[in-house]
Amino acid sequence: MNGSILMYAASLVLFGWGIAHLFPTSKVVQGFGEISIENKRIITMEWIIEGVALIFVGTLVAVTTILDPTSILGRTIYSSCIVMLNALSVISMFTGSRNSHIAFRMCPVIFTGSSILIAVGSILS
């Protein structure tokens, strides 16, 4: 049961952080100042994609935990999510976390922390 709690905690964090990416999208784009419409569309697309990806990973972990957390498929899903989150963390460490805004600096911590919760949760399951 303790493993499930960690999995749901990671899911909730990822889902919440994904939602948090969706609401300020227009303000983030405006923060770039006067840029071409194509660049505005690219930034909007990338910002939304990261939010949707985080929502998807959080949902995938929660659904896997509900349905079959100890199967080979379940363990493979957890491992894949851990790899993805750590890849996002590394990318964020070299890009967004070097930004002066605190929200960008939180991404590597949130991604790595969530991957740790999933890893420990899968061990305890």
N, C-alpha and C. Protein backbone atom coordinates (compact mmCIF):
# COMPACT_ATOMS: atom_id res chain seq x y z
N MET A 1 0.82 -1.21 0.00
CA MET A 1 0.00 0.00 0.00
C MET A 1 0.85 1.26 0.00
N ASN A 2 1.98 1.27 0.71
CA ASN A 2 2.83 2.45 0.75
C ASN A 2 3.34 2.82 -0.64
N GLY A 3 3.66 1.80 -1.44
CA GLY A 3 4.10 2.06 -2.80
C GLY A 3 3.05 2.78 -3.61
N SER A 4 1.81 2.40 -3.44
CA SER A 4 0.71 3.04 -4.17
C SER A 4 0.58 4.51 -3.78
N ILE A 5 0.76 4.80 -2.51
CA ILE A 5 0.66 6.19 -2.05
C ILE A 5 1.73 7.05 -2.74
N LEU A 6 2.94 6.52 -2.86
CA LEU A 6 4.01 7.25 -3.53
C LEU A 6 3.69 7.45 -5.01
N MET A 7 3.13 6.42 -5.63
CA MET A 7 2.75 6.52 -7.04
C MET A 7 1.68 7.59 -7.26
N TYR A 8 0.67 7.59 -6.38
CA TYR A 8 -0.39 8.58 -6.51
C TYR A 8 0.14 9.98 -6.22
N ALA A 9 1.08 10.10 -5.30
CA ALA A 9 1.68 11.41 -5.01
C ALA A 9 2.41 11.92 -6.24
N ALA A 10 3.21 11.05 -6.88
CA ALA A 10 3.92 11.45 -8.10
C ALA A 10 2.92 11.83 -9.19
N SER A 11 1.86 11.05 -9.33
CA SER A 11 0.84 11.34 -10.34
C SER A 11 0.20 12.70 -10.11
N LEU A 12 -0.12 12.97 -8.87
CA LEU A 12 -0.76 14.24 -8.52
C LEU A 12 0.17 15.42 -8.80
N VAL A 13 1.44 15.29 -8.43
CA VAL A 13 2.41 16.35 -8.69
C VAL A 13 2.55 16.60 -10.19
N LEU A 14 2.70 15.52 -10.96
CA LEU A 14 2.87 15.66 -12.41
C LEU A 14 1.63 16.23 -13.07
N PHE A 15 0.47 15.73 -12.68
CA PHE A 15 -0.79 16.23 -13.23
C PHE A 15 -0.94 17.71 -12.91
N GLY A 16 -0.68 18.08 -11.66
CA GLY A 16 -0.81 19.48 -11.24
C GLY A 16 0.17 20.40 -11.95
N TRP A 17 1.42 19.93 -12.10
CA TRP A 17 2.42 20.76 -12.78
C TRP A 17 2.08 20.88 -14.27
N GLY A 18 1.51 19.83 -14.83
CA GLY A 18 1.07 19.89 -16.22
C GLY A 18 -0.04 20.90 -16.41
N ILE A 19 -1.02 20.88 -15.52
CA ILE A 19 -2.11 21.86 -15.56
C ILE A 19 -1.56 23.27 -15.38
N ALA A 20 -0.58 23.41 -14.48
CA ALA A 20 0.02 24.72 -14.24
C ALA A 20 0.73 25.27 -15.48
N HIS A 21 1.11 24.40 -16.40
CA HIS A 21 1.72 24.87 -17.65
C HIS A 21 0.66 25.42 -18.62
N LEU A 22 -0.54 24.94 -18.52
CA LEU A 22 -1.55 25.31 -19.51
C LEU A 22 -2.14 26.70 -19.30
N PHE A 23 -2.34 27.09 -18.06
CA PHE A 23 -3.02 28.36 -17.80
C PHE A 23 -2.21 29.60 -18.14
N PRO A 24 -0.92 29.67 -17.83
CA PRO A 24 -0.18 30.90 -18.11
C PRO A 24 0.44 30.98 -19.50
N THR A 25 0.05 30.11 -20.40
CA THR A 25 0.70 30.04 -21.71
C THR A 25 0.74 31.39 -22.42
N SER A 26 -0.37 32.09 -22.47
CA SER A 26 -0.39 33.37 -23.20
C SER A 26 0.53 34.40 -22.55
N LYS A 27 0.61 34.40 -21.22
CA LYS A 27 1.50 35.34 -20.54
C LYS A 27 2.97 35.00 -20.79
N VAL A 28 3.26 33.71 -20.84
CA VAL A 28 4.63 33.28 -21.13
C VAL A 28 5.03 33.77 -22.52
N VAL A 29 4.15 33.58 -23.48
CA VAL A 29 4.43 34.00 -24.85
C VAL A 29 4.59 35.52 -24.92
N GLN A 30 3.73 36.25 -24.22
CA GLN A 30 3.83 37.71 -24.19
C GLN A 30 5.15 38.17 -23.58
N GLY A 31 5.68 37.38 -22.66
CA GLY A 31 6.94 37.72 -22.01
C GLY A 31 8.13 37.75 -22.95
N PHE A 32 7.99 37.18 -24.13
CA PHE A 32 9.06 37.21 -25.12
C PHE A 32 9.09 38.52 -25.90
N GLY A 33 8.10 39.37 -25.67
CA GLY A 33 8.07 40.66 -26.35
C GLY A 33 7.66 40.55 -27.80
N GLU A 34 8.20 41.44 -28.59
CA GLU A 34 7.86 41.49 -30.01
C GLU A 34 8.66 40.43 -30.78
N ILE A 35 7.98 39.34 -31.09
CA ILE A 35 8.57 38.28 -31.90
C ILE A 35 7.57 37.94 -33.00
N SER A 36 8.03 37.23 -33.99
CA SER A 36 7.15 36.90 -35.12
C SER A 36 6.01 35.99 -34.68
N ILE A 37 4.96 35.99 -35.45
CA ILE A 37 3.80 35.14 -35.17
C ILE A 37 4.20 33.67 -35.18
N GLU A 38 5.13 33.28 -36.08
CA GLU A 38 5.59 31.89 -36.11
C GLU A 38 6.28 31.51 -34.81
N ASN A 39 7.13 32.40 -34.31
CA ASN A 39 7.80 32.12 -33.04
C ASN A 39 6.81 32.05 -31.88
N LYS A 40 5.81 32.91 -31.91
CA LYS A 40 4.76 32.86 -30.88
C LYS A 40 4.03 31.52 -30.92
N ARG A 41 3.76 31.04 -32.11
CA ARG A 41 3.07 29.75 -32.25
C ARG A 41 3.95 28.59 -31.78
N ILE A 42 5.24 28.67 -32.08
CA ILE A 42 6.17 27.61 -31.64
C ILE A 42 6.26 27.58 -30.12
N ILE A 43 6.41 28.73 -29.50
CA ILE A 43 6.50 28.79 -28.04
C ILE A 43 5.20 28.29 -27.41
N THR A 44 4.07 28.72 -27.97
CA THR A 44 2.77 28.25 -27.47
C THR A 44 2.67 26.74 -27.59
N MET A 45 3.03 26.22 -28.75
CA MET A 45 2.96 24.77 -28.97
C MET A 45 3.84 24.02 -27.97
N GLU A 46 5.07 24.45 -27.81
CA GLU A 46 6.00 23.75 -26.92
C GLU A 46 5.55 23.82 -25.47
N TRP A 47 5.05 24.96 -25.06
CA TRP A 47 4.60 25.13 -23.68
C TRP A 47 3.40 24.21 -23.40
N ILE A 48 2.46 24.16 -24.34
CA ILE A 48 1.29 23.30 -24.18
C ILE A 48 1.70 21.83 -24.24
N ILE A 49 2.61 21.49 -25.14
CA ILE A 49 3.05 20.09 -25.25
C ILE A 49 3.66 19.61 -23.95
N GLU A 50 4.49 20.42 -23.31
CA GLU A 50 5.08 19.98 -22.04
C GLU A 50 4.00 19.76 -20.99
N GLY A 51 3.02 20.66 -20.93
CA GLY A 51 1.93 20.48 -19.98
C GLY A 51 1.14 19.22 -20.23
N VAL A 52 0.80 18.98 -21.49
CA VAL A 52 0.04 17.78 -21.85
C VAL A 52 0.85 16.52 -21.57
N ALA A 53 2.15 16.56 -21.87
CA ALA A 53 3.01 15.39 -21.61
C ALA A 53 3.05 15.07 -20.11
N LEU A 54 3.15 16.09 -19.28
CA LEU A 54 3.17 15.85 -17.83
C LEU A 54 1.83 15.31 -17.34
N ILE A 55 0.75 15.83 -17.86
CA ILE A 55 -0.58 15.31 -17.51
C ILE A 55 -0.68 13.85 -17.92
N PHE A 56 -0.20 13.53 -19.12
CA PHE A 56 -0.24 12.16 -19.61
C PHE A 56 0.59 11.23 -18.72
N VAL A 57 1.80 11.61 -18.38
CA VAL A 57 2.65 10.75 -17.55
C VAL A 57 2.00 10.56 -16.17
N GLY A 58 1.50 11.63 -15.58
CA GLY A 58 0.83 11.51 -14.29
C GLY A 58 -0.38 10.59 -14.35
N THR A 59 -1.16 10.72 -15.40
CA THR A 59 -2.34 9.86 -15.58
C THR A 59 -1.92 8.42 -15.83
N LEU A 60 -0.89 8.21 -16.64
CA LEU A 60 -0.41 6.87 -16.94
C LEU A 60 0.07 6.15 -15.68
N VAL A 61 0.79 6.85 -14.84
CA VAL A 61 1.26 6.25 -13.58
C VAL A 61 0.07 5.90 -12.69
N ALA A 62 -0.90 6.80 -12.58
CA ALA A 62 -2.06 6.54 -11.73
C ALA A 62 -2.88 5.35 -12.26
N VAL A 63 -3.13 5.32 -13.55
CA VAL A 63 -3.92 4.22 -14.13
C VAL A 63 -3.19 2.89 -13.97
N THR A 64 -1.88 2.89 -14.19
CA THR A 64 -1.09 1.67 -14.02
C THR A 64 -1.15 1.20 -12.57
N THR A 65 -1.07 2.14 -11.65
CA THR A 65 -1.14 1.80 -10.23
C THR A 65 -2.49 1.21 -9.87
N ILE A 66 -3.54 1.72 -10.47
CA ILE A 66 -4.88 1.21 -10.20
C ILE A 66 -5.05 -0.19 -10.79
N LEU A 67 -4.61 -0.37 -12.03
CA LEU A 67 -4.91 -1.61 -12.76
C LEU A 67 -3.96 -2.77 -12.46
N ASP A 68 -2.65 -2.53 -12.56
CA ASP A 68 -1.73 -3.67 -12.43
C ASP A 68 -0.29 -3.20 -12.19
N PRO A 69 0.00 -2.73 -10.99
CA PRO A 69 1.31 -2.14 -10.74
C PRO A 69 2.47 -3.13 -10.68
N THR A 70 2.20 -4.39 -10.44
CA THR A 70 3.30 -5.34 -10.24
C THR A 70 3.60 -6.23 -11.44
N SER A 71 2.83 -6.09 -12.51
CA SER A 71 3.08 -6.91 -13.70
C SER A 71 4.33 -6.41 -14.43
N ILE A 72 4.78 -7.20 -15.37
CA ILE A 72 5.92 -6.79 -16.19
C ILE A 72 5.56 -5.52 -16.97
N LEU A 73 4.35 -5.46 -17.49
CA LEU A 73 3.92 -4.27 -18.21
C LEU A 73 3.90 -3.05 -17.29
N GLY A 74 3.36 -3.22 -16.10
CA GLY A 74 3.33 -2.12 -15.14
C GLY A 74 4.72 -1.62 -14.80
N ARG A 75 5.64 -2.54 -14.55
CA ARG A 75 7.02 -2.16 -14.24
C ARG A 75 7.69 -1.47 -15.43
N THR A 76 7.36 -1.93 -16.63
CA THR A 76 7.91 -1.31 -17.84
C THR A 76 7.38 0.11 -18.00
N ILE A 77 6.11 0.30 -17.74
CA ILE A 77 5.52 1.64 -17.81
C ILE A 77 6.18 2.56 -16.79
N TYR A 78 6.33 2.08 -15.56
CA TYR A 78 6.99 2.90 -14.54
C TYR A 78 8.42 3.26 -14.96
N SER A 79 9.16 2.28 -15.46
CA SER A 79 10.55 2.52 -15.89
C SER A 79 10.60 3.54 -17.02
N SER A 80 9.68 3.43 -17.96
CA SER A 80 9.64 4.37 -19.08
C SER A 80 9.34 5.78 -18.59
N CYS A 81 8.43 5.90 -17.66
CA CYS A 81 8.10 7.21 -17.10
C CYS A 81 9.29 7.80 -16.35
N ILE A 82 10.00 6.97 -15.61
CA ILE A 82 11.19 7.42 -14.88
C ILE A 82 12.24 7.94 -15.86
N VAL A 83 12.48 7.20 -16.92
CA VAL A 83 13.47 7.62 -17.93
C VAL A 83 13.05 8.95 -18.56
N MET A 84 11.78 9.07 -18.92
CA MET A 84 11.31 10.30 -19.54
C MET A 84 11.45 11.49 -18.59
N LEU A 85 11.04 11.30 -17.34
CA LEU A 85 11.13 12.39 -16.37
C LEU A 85 12.56 12.82 -16.13
N ASN A 86 13.47 11.86 -16.07
CA ASN A 86 14.87 12.23 -15.87
C ASN A 86 15.46 12.90 -17.10
N ALA A 87 15.02 12.50 -18.29
CA ALA A 87 15.45 13.19 -19.51
C ALA A 87 14.94 14.64 -19.50
N LEU A 88 13.68 14.83 -19.13
CA LEU A 88 13.14 16.19 -19.02
C LEU A 88 13.89 17.00 -17.97
N SER A 89 14.28 16.34 -16.90
CA SER A 89 15.03 17.01 -15.84
C SER A 89 16.38 17.51 -16.34
N VAL A 90 17.08 16.66 -17.07
CA VAL A 90 18.39 17.06 -17.60
C VAL A 90 18.23 18.21 -18.59
N ILE A 91 17.25 18.11 -19.48
CA ILE A 91 17.00 19.19 -20.43
C ILE A 91 16.69 20.49 -19.69
N SER A 92 15.86 20.39 -18.67
CA SER A 92 15.48 21.57 -17.89
C SER A 92 16.66 22.17 -17.13
N MET A 93 17.57 21.32 -16.66
CA MET A 93 18.74 21.83 -15.93
C MET A 93 19.62 22.70 -16.83
N PHE A 94 19.67 22.37 -18.12
CA PHE A 94 20.52 23.12 -19.02
C PHE A 94 19.79 24.25 -19.74
N THR A 95 18.49 24.35 -19.54
CA THR A 95 17.72 25.39 -20.23
C THR A 95 16.92 26.22 -19.23
N GLY A 96 15.74 25.78 -18.90
CA GLY A 96 14.82 26.56 -18.08
C GLY A 96 15.30 26.89 -16.69
N SER A 97 16.04 25.99 -16.06
CA SER A 97 16.44 26.24 -14.67
C SER A 97 17.52 27.31 -14.58
N ARG A 98 18.07 27.70 -15.70
CA ARG A 98 19.06 28.77 -15.72
C ARG A 98 18.38 30.13 -15.88
N ASN A 99 17.06 30.11 -15.86
CA ASN A 99 16.24 31.30 -15.98
C ASN A 99 16.08 31.92 -14.59
N SER A 100 15.78 33.20 -14.52
CA SER A 100 15.63 33.86 -13.23
C SER A 100 14.28 33.59 -12.57
N HIS A 101 13.29 33.08 -13.31
CA HIS A 101 11.97 32.81 -12.75
C HIS A 101 11.99 31.51 -11.95
N ILE A 102 11.44 31.55 -10.76
CA ILE A 102 11.45 30.40 -9.85
C ILE A 102 10.71 29.21 -10.43
N ALA A 103 9.62 29.44 -11.16
CA ALA A 103 8.85 28.32 -11.71
C ALA A 103 9.69 27.48 -12.66
N PHE A 104 10.53 28.13 -13.44
CA PHE A 104 11.40 27.39 -14.36
C PHE A 104 12.46 26.61 -13.59
N ARG A 105 12.91 27.16 -12.51
CA ARG A 105 13.94 26.50 -11.70
C ARG A 105 13.39 25.29 -10.96
N MET A 106 12.10 25.24 -10.78
CA MET A 106 11.47 24.12 -10.07
C MET A 106 11.34 22.87 -10.93
N CYS A 107 11.34 23.02 -12.25
CA CYS A 107 11.09 21.87 -13.13
C CYS A 107 12.02 20.69 -12.87
N PRO A 108 13.35 20.86 -12.84
CA PRO A 108 14.20 19.69 -12.60
C PRO A 108 13.91 19.01 -11.26
N VAL A 109 13.61 19.81 -10.25
CA VAL A 109 13.30 19.25 -8.93
C VAL A 109 12.01 18.45 -8.98
N ILE A 110 11.00 18.99 -9.64
CA ILE A 110 9.71 18.31 -9.75
C ILE A 110 9.85 17.03 -10.57
N PHE A 111 10.55 17.11 -11.69
CA PHE A 111 10.71 15.93 -12.54
C PHE A 111 11.50 14.83 -11.84
N THR A 112 12.63 15.20 -11.25
CA THR A 112 13.46 14.21 -10.57
C THR A 112 12.76 13.68 -9.32
N GLY A 113 12.14 14.56 -8.57
CA GLY A 113 11.40 14.12 -7.38
C GLY A 113 10.29 13.15 -7.71
N SER A 114 9.57 13.44 -8.77
CA SER A 114 8.49 12.53 -9.19
C SER A 114 9.05 11.19 -9.64
N SER A 115 10.17 11.22 -10.35
CA SER A 115 10.76 9.95 -10.79
C SER A 115 11.23 9.12 -9.61
N ILE A 116 11.72 9.79 -8.57
CA ILE A 116 12.14 9.07 -7.35
C ILE A 116 10.93 8.45 -6.66
N LEU A 117 9.84 9.21 -6.57
CA LEU A 117 8.61 8.67 -5.97
C LEU A 117 8.13 7.43 -6.72
N ILE A 118 8.18 7.50 -8.06
CA ILE A 118 7.76 6.35 -8.86
C ILE A 118 8.69 5.17 -8.64
N ALA A 119 9.99 5.43 -8.64
CA ALA A 119 10.98 4.34 -8.46
C ALA A 119 10.81 3.67 -7.10
N VAL A 120 10.73 4.45 -6.05
CA VAL A 120 10.57 3.88 -4.70
C VAL A 120 9.21 3.21 -4.58
N GLY A 121 8.18 3.83 -5.13
CA GLY A 121 6.84 3.24 -5.08
C GLY A 121 6.80 1.89 -5.79
N SER A 122 7.49 1.78 -6.92
CA SER A 122 7.47 0.50 -7.64
C SER A 122 8.25 -0.57 -6.88
N ILE A 123 9.27 -0.17 -6.16
CA ILE A 123 10.01 -1.14 -5.34
C ILE A 123 9.14 -1.63 -4.18
N LEU A 124 8.37 -0.73 -3.58
CA LEU A 124 7.54 -1.09 -2.44
C LEU A 124 6.27 -1.83 -2.83
N SER A 125 5.91 -1.76 -4.10
CA SER A 125 4.66 -2.41 -4.56
C SER A 125 4.84 -3.91 -4.69
